[in-house]
N, C-alpha and C. Protein backbone atom coordinates (compact mmCIF):
# COMPACT_ATOMS: atom_id res chain seq x y z
N UNK A 1 -75.23 103.22 28.68
CA UNK A 1 -75.49 101.81 28.85
C UNK A 1 -76.78 101.43 28.13
N UNK A 2 -77.80 102.22 28.20
CA UNK A 2 -79.08 101.95 27.56
C UNK A 2 -78.94 101.93 26.05
N UNK A 3 -78.09 102.83 25.52
CA UNK A 3 -77.89 102.85 24.07
C UNK A 3 -77.12 101.60 23.63
N UNK A 4 -76.19 101.17 24.42
CA UNK A 4 -75.42 99.97 24.12
C UNK A 4 -76.31 98.71 24.13
N UNK A 5 -77.22 98.69 25.09
CA UNK A 5 -78.14 97.57 25.19
C UNK A 5 -79.10 97.56 24.00
N UNK A 6 -79.53 98.71 23.57
CA UNK A 6 -80.45 98.76 22.43
C UNK A 6 -79.73 98.36 21.14
N UNK A 7 -78.41 98.57 21.06
CA UNK A 7 -77.64 98.13 19.88
C UNK A 7 -77.43 96.60 19.89
N UNK A 8 -77.30 96.00 21.07
CA UNK A 8 -77.07 94.56 21.18
C UNK A 8 -78.37 93.75 21.08
N UNK A 9 -79.51 94.40 21.34
CA UNK A 9 -80.77 93.68 21.33
C UNK A 9 -81.05 92.99 19.99
N UNK A 10 -80.87 93.64 18.83
CA UNK A 10 -81.12 92.94 17.57
C UNK A 10 -80.19 91.73 17.36
N UNK A 11 -78.94 91.86 17.82
CA UNK A 11 -78.00 90.73 17.69
C UNK A 11 -78.41 89.57 18.58
N UNK A 12 -78.85 89.86 19.81
CA UNK A 12 -79.30 88.81 20.72
C UNK A 12 -80.57 88.15 20.17
N UNK A 13 -81.48 88.94 19.61
CA UNK A 13 -82.70 88.41 19.03
C UNK A 13 -82.37 87.52 17.83
N UNK A 14 -81.42 87.93 16.99
CA UNK A 14 -81.00 87.13 15.84
C UNK A 14 -80.35 85.82 16.29
N UNK A 15 -79.51 85.85 17.32
CA UNK A 15 -78.87 84.64 17.84
C UNK A 15 -79.92 83.70 18.43
N UNK A 16 -80.92 84.26 19.12
CA UNK A 16 -81.99 83.44 19.68
C UNK A 16 -82.81 82.79 18.56
N UNK A 17 -83.11 83.52 17.52
CA UNK A 17 -83.86 82.97 16.38
C UNK A 17 -83.05 81.87 15.68
N UNK A 18 -81.75 82.05 15.54
CA UNK A 18 -80.89 81.04 14.90
C UNK A 18 -80.87 79.77 15.75
N UNK A 19 -80.74 79.90 17.05
CA UNK A 19 -80.74 78.74 17.94
C UNK A 19 -82.09 78.02 17.90
N UNK A 20 -83.17 78.78 17.89
CA UNK A 20 -84.51 78.19 17.82
C UNK A 20 -84.72 77.47 16.49
N UNK A 21 -84.24 78.04 15.40
CA UNK A 21 -84.35 77.40 14.09
C UNK A 21 -83.58 76.09 14.06
N UNK A 22 -82.37 76.08 14.60
CA UNK A 22 -81.56 74.86 14.64
C UNK A 22 -82.27 73.78 15.47
N UNK A 23 -82.80 74.17 16.63
CA UNK A 23 -83.49 73.22 17.50
C UNK A 23 -84.72 72.63 16.80
N UNK A 24 -85.53 73.47 16.15
CA UNK A 24 -86.71 72.98 15.43
C UNK A 24 -86.32 72.04 14.29
N UNK A 25 -85.24 72.34 13.60
CA UNK A 25 -84.78 71.47 12.51
C UNK A 25 -84.41 70.09 13.03
N UNK A 26 -83.75 70.03 14.18
CA UNK A 26 -83.38 68.75 14.77
C UNK A 26 -84.60 67.96 15.24
N UNK A 27 -85.61 68.64 15.74
CA UNK A 27 -86.80 67.98 16.26
C UNK A 27 -87.64 67.39 15.12
N UNK A 28 -87.81 68.12 14.04
CA UNK A 28 -88.69 67.66 12.97
C UNK A 28 -87.98 66.87 11.88
N UNK A 29 -86.67 66.78 11.95
CA UNK A 29 -85.93 66.03 10.93
C UNK A 29 -86.32 64.56 10.97
N UNK A 30 -86.54 63.95 9.78
CA UNK A 30 -86.96 62.54 9.73
C UNK A 30 -85.83 61.63 10.18
N UNK A 31 -86.16 60.47 10.77
CA UNK A 31 -85.14 59.55 11.26
C UNK A 31 -84.20 59.07 10.16
N UNK A 32 -84.69 58.97 8.93
CA UNK A 32 -83.85 58.48 7.84
C UNK A 32 -82.75 59.44 7.43
N UNK A 33 -82.87 60.71 7.80
CA UNK A 33 -81.85 61.68 7.39
C UNK A 33 -80.93 62.09 8.52
N UNK A 34 -81.17 61.61 9.72
CA UNK A 34 -80.29 61.97 10.83
C UNK A 34 -79.00 61.16 10.75
N UNK A 35 -77.89 61.70 11.29
CA UNK A 35 -76.62 60.97 11.23
C UNK A 35 -76.68 59.61 11.90
N UNK A 36 -77.50 59.44 12.95
CA UNK A 36 -77.60 58.16 13.66
C UNK A 36 -78.43 57.13 12.92
N UNK A 37 -79.18 57.56 11.89
CA UNK A 37 -80.06 56.62 11.17
C UNK A 37 -79.27 55.53 10.46
N UNK A 38 -78.06 55.85 10.02
CA UNK A 38 -77.25 54.86 9.33
C UNK A 38 -76.79 53.75 10.27
N UNK A 39 -76.74 54.02 11.57
CA UNK A 39 -76.29 53.04 12.54
C UNK A 39 -77.44 52.16 13.03
N UNK A 40 -78.67 52.54 12.73
CA UNK A 40 -79.83 51.81 13.22
C UNK A 40 -80.21 50.68 12.27
N UNK A 41 -80.83 49.65 12.82
CA UNK A 41 -81.27 48.49 12.04
C UNK A 41 -82.79 48.45 12.06
N UNK A 42 -83.41 49.45 11.39
CA UNK A 42 -84.87 49.57 11.36
C UNK A 42 -85.40 49.05 10.02
N UNK A 43 -86.54 48.35 10.03
CA UNK A 43 -87.09 47.86 8.76
C UNK A 43 -87.67 49.00 7.92
N UNK A 44 -87.58 48.83 6.61
CA UNK A 44 -88.24 49.80 5.74
C UNK A 44 -89.54 49.25 5.17
N UNK A 45 -89.70 47.92 5.16
CA UNK A 45 -90.99 47.35 4.80
C UNK A 45 -91.16 45.97 5.42
N UNK A 46 -92.44 45.60 5.60
CA UNK A 46 -92.82 44.31 6.18
C UNK A 46 -93.90 43.72 5.28
N UNK A 47 -93.76 42.42 4.96
CA UNK A 47 -94.73 41.75 4.10
C UNK A 47 -95.25 40.52 4.85
N UNK A 48 -96.57 40.36 4.88
CA UNK A 48 -97.19 39.17 5.45
C UNK A 48 -97.54 38.21 4.33
N UNK A 49 -97.33 36.92 4.58
CA UNK A 49 -97.68 35.84 3.66
C UNK A 49 -97.08 36.05 2.27
N UNK A 50 -95.77 36.07 2.23
CA UNK A 50 -95.05 36.25 0.97
C UNK A 50 -94.96 34.94 0.20
N UNK A 51 -95.14 35.00 -1.10
CA UNK A 51 -94.87 33.88 -1.99
C UNK A 51 -94.12 34.45 -3.18
N UNK A 52 -92.82 34.11 -3.28
CA UNK A 52 -91.98 34.60 -4.37
C UNK A 52 -91.55 33.42 -5.23
N UNK A 53 -91.57 33.61 -6.53
CA UNK A 53 -91.19 32.56 -7.48
C UNK A 53 -90.06 33.08 -8.34
N UNK A 54 -89.04 32.25 -8.50
CA UNK A 54 -87.89 32.60 -9.34
C UNK A 54 -87.86 31.63 -10.52
N UNK A 55 -87.67 32.19 -11.72
CA UNK A 55 -87.69 31.36 -12.92
C UNK A 55 -86.33 31.40 -13.62
N UNK A 56 -86.07 30.34 -14.41
CA UNK A 56 -84.84 30.33 -15.19
C UNK A 56 -85.06 31.07 -16.50
N UNK A 57 -84.05 31.10 -17.36
CA UNK A 57 -84.13 31.85 -18.61
C UNK A 57 -85.16 31.28 -19.59
N UNK A 58 -85.57 30.02 -19.39
CA UNK A 58 -86.58 29.39 -20.24
C UNK A 58 -88.00 29.54 -19.69
N UNK A 59 -88.15 30.23 -18.57
CA UNK A 59 -89.47 30.45 -17.99
C UNK A 59 -89.95 29.34 -17.07
N UNK A 60 -89.08 28.37 -16.78
CA UNK A 60 -89.46 27.30 -15.85
C UNK A 60 -89.19 27.77 -14.42
N UNK A 61 -90.04 27.31 -13.51
CA UNK A 61 -89.85 27.68 -12.11
C UNK A 61 -88.57 27.04 -11.59
N UNK A 62 -87.68 27.87 -11.06
CA UNK A 62 -86.42 27.38 -10.49
C UNK A 62 -86.58 27.11 -9.00
N UNK A 63 -87.17 28.08 -8.28
CA UNK A 63 -87.46 27.88 -6.86
C UNK A 63 -88.55 28.83 -6.41
N UNK A 64 -89.14 28.49 -5.28
CA UNK A 64 -90.15 29.35 -4.68
C UNK A 64 -89.81 29.55 -3.20
N UNK A 65 -90.21 30.68 -2.68
CA UNK A 65 -90.00 30.99 -1.27
C UNK A 65 -91.31 31.49 -0.70
N UNK A 66 -91.75 30.84 0.37
CA UNK A 66 -92.93 31.27 1.10
C UNK A 66 -92.47 31.65 2.50
N UNK A 67 -93.05 32.71 3.05
CA UNK A 67 -92.75 33.10 4.43
C UNK A 67 -94.00 33.70 5.05
N UNK A 68 -94.26 33.33 6.30
CA UNK A 68 -95.39 33.89 7.03
C UNK A 68 -95.23 35.39 7.15
N UNK A 69 -93.97 35.83 7.39
CA UNK A 69 -93.69 37.26 7.52
C UNK A 69 -92.29 37.54 7.03
N UNK A 70 -92.13 38.63 6.30
CA UNK A 70 -90.84 39.06 5.78
C UNK A 70 -90.59 40.48 6.28
N UNK A 71 -89.38 40.74 6.79
CA UNK A 71 -89.01 42.07 7.26
C UNK A 71 -87.69 42.44 6.60
N UNK A 72 -87.68 43.53 5.83
CA UNK A 72 -86.48 43.97 5.10
C UNK A 72 -85.81 45.13 5.84
N UNK A 73 -84.47 45.10 5.90
CA UNK A 73 -83.69 46.14 6.56
C UNK A 73 -82.78 46.82 5.54
N UNK A 74 -82.96 48.11 5.31
CA UNK A 74 -82.20 48.79 4.27
C UNK A 74 -80.73 49.03 4.61
N UNK A 75 -80.37 49.09 5.90
CA UNK A 75 -78.99 49.41 6.26
C UNK A 75 -77.99 48.37 5.76
N UNK A 76 -78.37 47.08 5.77
CA UNK A 76 -77.48 46.03 5.24
C UNK A 76 -78.15 45.21 4.14
N UNK A 77 -79.35 45.63 3.72
CA UNK A 77 -80.12 44.98 2.65
C UNK A 77 -80.37 43.50 2.93
N UNK A 78 -80.63 43.17 4.20
CA UNK A 78 -80.96 41.79 4.57
C UNK A 78 -82.47 41.68 4.80
N UNK A 79 -82.95 40.45 4.77
CA UNK A 79 -84.36 40.19 4.95
C UNK A 79 -84.54 39.05 5.95
N UNK A 80 -85.28 39.31 7.02
CA UNK A 80 -85.60 38.30 8.01
C UNK A 80 -86.88 37.58 7.59
N UNK A 81 -86.92 36.27 7.77
CA UNK A 81 -88.08 35.47 7.39
C UNK A 81 -88.63 34.75 8.61
N UNK A 82 -89.94 34.70 8.71
CA UNK A 82 -90.61 33.94 9.77
C UNK A 82 -91.25 32.71 9.13
N UNK A 83 -90.92 31.54 9.64
CA UNK A 83 -91.44 30.26 9.16
C UNK A 83 -91.30 30.12 7.64
N UNK A 84 -90.06 30.24 7.12
CA UNK A 84 -89.88 30.14 5.67
C UNK A 84 -90.02 28.71 5.16
N UNK A 85 -90.45 28.61 3.89
CA UNK A 85 -90.48 27.34 3.17
C UNK A 85 -89.91 27.62 1.78
N UNK A 86 -88.76 27.00 1.49
CA UNK A 86 -88.06 27.19 0.23
C UNK A 86 -88.12 25.89 -0.56
N UNK A 87 -88.54 25.94 -1.82
CA UNK A 87 -88.60 24.75 -2.65
C UNK A 87 -87.73 24.97 -3.88
N UNK A 88 -86.75 24.08 -4.05
CA UNK A 88 -85.88 24.10 -5.22
C UNK A 88 -86.36 22.99 -6.15
N UNK A 89 -86.69 23.36 -7.38
CA UNK A 89 -87.19 22.39 -8.35
C UNK A 89 -86.03 21.86 -9.18
N UNK A 90 -85.28 20.94 -8.58
CA UNK A 90 -84.13 20.33 -9.26
C UNK A 90 -84.63 19.38 -10.34
N UNK A 91 -83.73 18.98 -11.23
CA UNK A 91 -84.10 18.11 -12.35
C UNK A 91 -84.67 16.78 -11.89
N UNK A 92 -84.06 16.18 -10.87
CA UNK A 92 -84.50 14.85 -10.44
C UNK A 92 -85.74 14.90 -9.56
N UNK A 93 -85.72 15.69 -8.51
CA UNK A 93 -86.85 15.76 -7.58
C UNK A 93 -86.78 17.06 -6.79
N UNK A 94 -87.93 17.65 -6.45
CA UNK A 94 -87.92 18.89 -5.68
C UNK A 94 -87.34 18.67 -4.28
N UNK A 95 -86.68 19.72 -3.78
CA UNK A 95 -86.13 19.72 -2.43
C UNK A 95 -86.82 20.87 -1.67
N UNK A 96 -87.43 20.54 -0.53
CA UNK A 96 -88.15 21.53 0.27
C UNK A 96 -87.39 21.74 1.58
N UNK A 97 -87.18 23.01 1.93
CA UNK A 97 -86.49 23.37 3.18
C UNK A 97 -87.43 24.23 4.00
N UNK A 98 -87.64 23.84 5.26
CA UNK A 98 -88.46 24.62 6.18
C UNK A 98 -87.68 24.87 7.47
N UNK A 99 -88.06 25.92 8.19
CA UNK A 99 -87.45 26.23 9.49
C UNK A 99 -88.33 27.24 10.22
N UNK A 100 -87.96 27.54 11.45
CA UNK A 100 -88.70 28.54 12.22
C UNK A 100 -88.38 29.95 11.76
N UNK A 101 -87.10 30.19 11.40
CA UNK A 101 -86.72 31.53 10.96
C UNK A 101 -85.64 31.43 9.89
N UNK A 102 -85.42 32.55 9.21
CA UNK A 102 -84.41 32.57 8.17
C UNK A 102 -83.92 33.98 7.91
N UNK A 103 -82.85 34.07 7.14
CA UNK A 103 -82.26 35.35 6.78
C UNK A 103 -81.80 35.26 5.33
N UNK A 104 -82.18 36.26 4.53
CA UNK A 104 -81.75 36.33 3.14
C UNK A 104 -80.76 37.48 3.03
N UNK A 105 -79.58 37.20 2.44
CA UNK A 105 -78.57 38.23 2.30
C UNK A 105 -78.92 39.18 1.16
N UNK A 106 -78.15 40.23 1.05
CA UNK A 106 -78.32 41.18 -0.04
C UNK A 106 -78.25 40.46 -1.38
N UNK A 107 -79.12 40.79 -2.29
CA UNK A 107 -79.22 40.20 -3.63
C UNK A 107 -79.68 38.75 -3.62
N UNK A 108 -80.06 38.18 -2.48
CA UNK A 108 -80.59 36.82 -2.42
C UNK A 108 -79.57 35.74 -2.72
N UNK A 109 -78.29 36.05 -2.64
CA UNK A 109 -77.24 35.06 -2.96
C UNK A 109 -77.11 33.99 -1.88
N UNK A 110 -77.45 34.31 -0.65
CA UNK A 110 -77.36 33.38 0.47
C UNK A 110 -78.66 33.41 1.26
N UNK A 111 -79.11 32.22 1.65
CA UNK A 111 -80.28 32.11 2.52
C UNK A 111 -79.86 31.25 3.71
N UNK A 112 -80.10 31.75 4.91
CA UNK A 112 -79.72 31.05 6.14
C UNK A 112 -80.99 30.63 6.87
N UNK A 113 -81.16 29.33 7.06
CA UNK A 113 -82.31 28.80 7.79
C UNK A 113 -81.85 28.45 9.20
N UNK A 114 -82.67 28.84 10.20
CA UNK A 114 -82.31 28.62 11.60
C UNK A 114 -83.46 28.01 12.37
N UNK A 115 -83.12 27.20 13.34
CA UNK A 115 -84.09 26.63 14.28
C UNK A 115 -85.03 25.62 13.61
N UNK A 116 -84.85 24.37 14.00
CA UNK A 116 -85.71 23.29 13.54
C UNK A 116 -85.77 23.21 12.00
N UNK A 117 -84.59 23.12 11.40
CA UNK A 117 -84.49 23.07 9.93
C UNK A 117 -84.76 21.65 9.46
N UNK A 118 -85.60 21.55 8.43
CA UNK A 118 -85.96 20.24 7.87
C UNK A 118 -85.84 20.34 6.35
N UNK A 119 -85.06 19.43 5.76
CA UNK A 119 -84.88 19.36 4.31
C UNK A 119 -85.50 18.05 3.85
N UNK A 120 -86.36 18.12 2.85
CA UNK A 120 -87.02 16.93 2.33
C UNK A 120 -86.81 16.87 0.82
N UNK A 121 -86.11 15.82 0.37
CA UNK A 121 -85.99 15.58 -1.06
C UNK A 121 -87.08 14.58 -1.42
N UNK A 122 -87.93 14.95 -2.35
CA UNK A 122 -89.05 14.09 -2.74
C UNK A 122 -88.53 12.79 -3.37
N UNK A 123 -89.31 11.72 -3.28
CA UNK A 123 -88.89 10.47 -3.90
C UNK A 123 -88.89 10.62 -5.43
N UNK A 124 -88.01 9.85 -6.06
CA UNK A 124 -87.98 9.82 -7.53
C UNK A 124 -87.41 8.49 -7.97
N UNK A 125 -87.85 8.02 -9.12
CA UNK A 125 -87.39 6.72 -9.59
C UNK A 125 -87.60 5.67 -8.52
N UNK A 126 -86.52 4.96 -8.18
CA UNK A 126 -86.59 3.96 -7.11
C UNK A 126 -86.06 4.49 -5.79
N UNK A 127 -85.75 5.79 -5.75
CA UNK A 127 -85.24 6.41 -4.53
C UNK A 127 -86.39 6.84 -3.64
N UNK A 128 -86.26 6.56 -2.35
CA UNK A 128 -87.29 6.97 -1.39
C UNK A 128 -87.07 8.42 -0.97
N UNK A 129 -88.02 8.95 -0.24
CA UNK A 129 -87.90 10.30 0.29
C UNK A 129 -86.69 10.37 1.22
N UNK A 130 -85.93 11.46 1.14
CA UNK A 130 -84.77 11.68 1.99
C UNK A 130 -85.07 12.89 2.88
N UNK A 131 -84.85 12.75 4.19
CA UNK A 131 -85.13 13.82 5.14
C UNK A 131 -83.87 14.15 5.93
N UNK A 132 -83.54 15.43 6.00
CA UNK A 132 -82.40 15.91 6.77
C UNK A 132 -82.92 16.86 7.84
N UNK A 133 -82.51 16.64 9.10
CA UNK A 133 -82.88 17.53 10.20
C UNK A 133 -81.61 18.12 10.80
N UNK A 134 -81.63 19.43 11.06
CA UNK A 134 -80.51 20.14 11.67
C UNK A 134 -81.05 21.42 12.30
N UNK A 135 -80.18 22.23 12.91
CA UNK A 135 -80.66 23.48 13.48
C UNK A 135 -80.17 24.71 12.72
N UNK A 136 -79.35 24.50 11.66
CA UNK A 136 -78.85 25.62 10.86
C UNK A 136 -78.49 25.11 9.47
N UNK A 137 -78.85 25.88 8.44
CA UNK A 137 -78.53 25.48 7.08
C UNK A 137 -78.27 26.73 6.24
N UNK A 138 -77.16 26.72 5.51
CA UNK A 138 -76.78 27.81 4.61
C UNK A 138 -77.06 27.34 3.18
N UNK A 139 -77.93 28.05 2.48
CA UNK A 139 -78.32 27.66 1.12
C UNK A 139 -77.80 28.70 0.13
N UNK A 140 -77.20 28.19 -0.96
CA UNK A 140 -76.75 29.02 -2.08
C UNK A 140 -77.68 28.67 -3.25
N UNK A 141 -78.81 29.39 -3.40
CA UNK A 141 -79.82 29.01 -4.38
C UNK A 141 -79.31 28.91 -5.82
N UNK A 142 -78.45 29.81 -6.23
CA UNK A 142 -77.95 29.79 -7.62
C UNK A 142 -77.08 28.58 -7.91
N UNK A 143 -76.44 28.03 -6.87
CA UNK A 143 -75.56 26.87 -7.03
C UNK A 143 -76.23 25.55 -6.64
N UNK A 144 -77.48 25.60 -6.18
CA UNK A 144 -78.22 24.41 -5.74
C UNK A 144 -77.52 23.69 -4.59
N UNK A 145 -76.86 24.45 -3.72
CA UNK A 145 -76.09 23.86 -2.62
C UNK A 145 -76.70 24.26 -1.28
N UNK A 146 -76.78 23.29 -0.38
CA UNK A 146 -77.19 23.51 1.00
C UNK A 146 -76.11 22.90 1.88
N UNK A 147 -75.65 23.66 2.88
CA UNK A 147 -74.58 23.13 3.73
C UNK A 147 -74.74 23.62 5.16
N UNK A 148 -74.12 22.84 6.07
CA UNK A 148 -74.11 23.18 7.48
C UNK A 148 -72.85 22.64 8.13
N UNK A 149 -72.46 23.25 9.21
CA UNK A 149 -71.33 22.73 10.01
C UNK A 149 -71.85 22.15 11.33
N UNK A 150 -73.16 22.04 11.46
CA UNK A 150 -73.79 21.56 12.69
C UNK A 150 -74.18 20.09 12.57
N UNK A 151 -74.69 19.54 13.65
CA UNK A 151 -75.15 18.15 13.69
C UNK A 151 -76.33 17.96 12.75
N UNK A 152 -76.32 16.83 12.03
CA UNK A 152 -77.41 16.50 11.11
C UNK A 152 -77.87 15.07 11.34
N UNK A 153 -79.13 14.83 11.08
CA UNK A 153 -79.70 13.47 11.06
C UNK A 153 -80.35 13.30 9.71
N UNK A 154 -79.95 12.23 9.01
CA UNK A 154 -80.45 11.97 7.66
C UNK A 154 -81.16 10.62 7.67
N UNK A 155 -82.38 10.59 7.14
CA UNK A 155 -83.13 9.33 7.09
C UNK A 155 -83.77 9.17 5.72
N UNK A 156 -83.90 7.92 5.32
CA UNK A 156 -84.73 7.55 4.18
C UNK A 156 -85.31 6.17 4.49
N UNK A 157 -85.89 5.51 3.51
CA UNK A 157 -86.55 4.23 3.76
C UNK A 157 -85.59 3.14 4.22
N UNK A 158 -84.27 3.29 3.95
CA UNK A 158 -83.30 2.24 4.26
C UNK A 158 -82.22 2.61 5.26
N UNK A 159 -82.20 3.83 5.74
CA UNK A 159 -81.07 4.22 6.59
C UNK A 159 -81.41 5.35 7.54
N UNK A 160 -80.53 5.47 8.54
CA UNK A 160 -80.50 6.63 9.41
C UNK A 160 -79.03 6.94 9.64
N UNK A 161 -78.65 8.19 9.44
CA UNK A 161 -77.26 8.62 9.58
C UNK A 161 -77.21 9.85 10.46
N UNK A 162 -76.23 9.86 11.37
CA UNK A 162 -75.94 11.03 12.19
C UNK A 162 -74.54 11.51 11.81
N UNK A 163 -74.36 12.81 11.68
CA UNK A 163 -73.05 13.37 11.32
C UNK A 163 -72.97 14.81 11.81
N UNK A 164 -71.77 15.36 11.71
CA UNK A 164 -71.56 16.78 11.98
C UNK A 164 -71.03 17.39 10.69
N UNK A 165 -71.78 18.29 10.13
CA UNK A 165 -71.40 18.94 8.88
C UNK A 165 -71.86 18.17 7.67
N UNK A 166 -72.37 18.92 6.68
CA UNK A 166 -72.90 18.29 5.48
C UNK A 166 -72.93 19.31 4.36
N UNK A 167 -72.79 18.82 3.12
CA UNK A 167 -73.03 19.64 1.95
C UNK A 167 -73.85 18.81 0.97
N UNK A 168 -74.95 19.40 0.50
CA UNK A 168 -75.87 18.69 -0.38
C UNK A 168 -76.08 19.51 -1.64
N UNK A 169 -75.94 18.87 -2.80
CA UNK A 169 -76.18 19.53 -4.08
C UNK A 169 -77.44 18.91 -4.68
N UNK A 170 -78.50 19.70 -4.80
CA UNK A 170 -79.78 19.16 -5.29
C UNK A 170 -79.75 18.89 -6.79
N UNK A 171 -78.81 19.47 -7.51
CA UNK A 171 -78.72 19.24 -8.95
C UNK A 171 -77.95 17.96 -9.28
N UNK A 172 -76.79 17.78 -8.61
CA UNK A 172 -75.96 16.59 -8.87
C UNK A 172 -76.36 15.41 -7.99
N UNK A 173 -77.19 15.65 -6.97
CA UNK A 173 -77.64 14.64 -6.00
C UNK A 173 -76.49 14.11 -5.15
N UNK A 174 -75.45 14.89 -4.99
CA UNK A 174 -74.31 14.49 -4.16
C UNK A 174 -74.53 14.99 -2.74
N UNK A 175 -74.24 14.12 -1.78
CA UNK A 175 -74.35 14.44 -0.37
C UNK A 175 -73.02 14.12 0.28
N UNK A 176 -72.37 15.13 0.85
CA UNK A 176 -71.07 14.96 1.49
C UNK A 176 -71.23 15.19 2.99
N UNK A 177 -70.75 14.22 3.79
CA UNK A 177 -70.80 14.33 5.24
C UNK A 177 -69.39 14.63 5.74
N UNK A 178 -69.25 15.55 6.68
CA UNK A 178 -67.94 16.05 7.07
C UNK A 178 -67.25 15.29 8.19
N UNK A 179 -67.95 14.98 9.29
CA UNK A 179 -67.27 14.40 10.45
C UNK A 179 -68.25 13.61 11.33
N UNK A 180 -67.69 12.78 12.19
CA UNK A 180 -68.43 12.01 13.19
C UNK A 180 -69.64 11.28 12.57
N UNK A 181 -69.41 10.63 11.44
CA UNK A 181 -70.48 9.94 10.73
C UNK A 181 -70.73 8.57 11.35
N UNK A 182 -71.96 8.29 11.67
CA UNK A 182 -72.36 6.97 12.16
C UNK A 182 -73.80 6.75 11.73
N UNK A 183 -74.13 5.50 11.50
CA UNK A 183 -75.49 5.24 11.05
C UNK A 183 -75.79 3.77 10.89
N UNK A 184 -76.96 3.51 10.40
CA UNK A 184 -77.41 2.13 10.18
C UNK A 184 -78.11 2.07 8.83
N UNK A 185 -77.85 0.95 8.12
CA UNK A 185 -78.46 0.73 6.82
C UNK A 185 -79.07 -0.66 6.81
N UNK A 186 -80.26 -0.76 6.25
CA UNK A 186 -80.83 -2.09 6.09
C UNK A 186 -81.52 -2.13 4.72
N UNK A 187 -81.54 -3.30 4.15
CA UNK A 187 -82.13 -3.52 2.84
C UNK A 187 -83.58 -3.94 3.04
N UNK A 188 -84.50 -3.04 2.69
CA UNK A 188 -85.92 -3.33 2.92
C UNK A 188 -86.40 -4.51 2.07
N UNK A 189 -85.75 -4.78 0.94
CA UNK A 189 -86.14 -5.91 0.08
C UNK A 189 -85.79 -7.25 0.75
N UNK A 190 -84.68 -7.29 1.45
CA UNK A 190 -84.26 -8.52 2.11
C UNK A 190 -85.05 -8.78 3.40
N UNK A 191 -85.49 -7.69 4.07
CA UNK A 191 -86.19 -7.88 5.33
C UNK A 191 -87.67 -8.17 5.11
N UNK A 192 -88.11 -8.21 3.87
CA UNK A 192 -89.49 -8.59 3.58
C UNK A 192 -90.46 -7.44 3.63
N UNK A 193 -89.98 -6.21 3.69
CA UNK A 193 -90.88 -5.03 3.74
C UNK A 193 -91.16 -4.53 2.36
């Protein structure tokens, strides 16, 4: 029995060392290489006070994005924004979009503004400033389109409009309202203002 035990001792020691090696590997393995890391939504970088500028092929500023805080997530390549301010420099007049929070999709093709969204088209020519308030806005920066399926309030110097759903093109200056449209219009020239 003693000889048998002495023959098994090296095998038991080898099995113990293999188990210990496996356990140590699992403990010290980085979170990014573990199988569960792909299921997690952890940021890979955080930026405070971001100011990004996008230019067209002629070197003119197309749009700018400012955010108090930016958090990027590598698992789905999305970016969360805190207090974003997006300015599109359209041909006629700049359009500024602000909100409490936002989300940028992979490749920046879609920007989603959430909570207390405010869109301001600057005055130009004889057109007054136009302001849109809503709680959600989907922006397609490359297409100069902003749209929502939520309630909107639109005001300028001559009108106030309430509607549900809207699509706005800052390049063509077209504004489409989808449903439940009601509002008031007055001519400031006739009222003596």
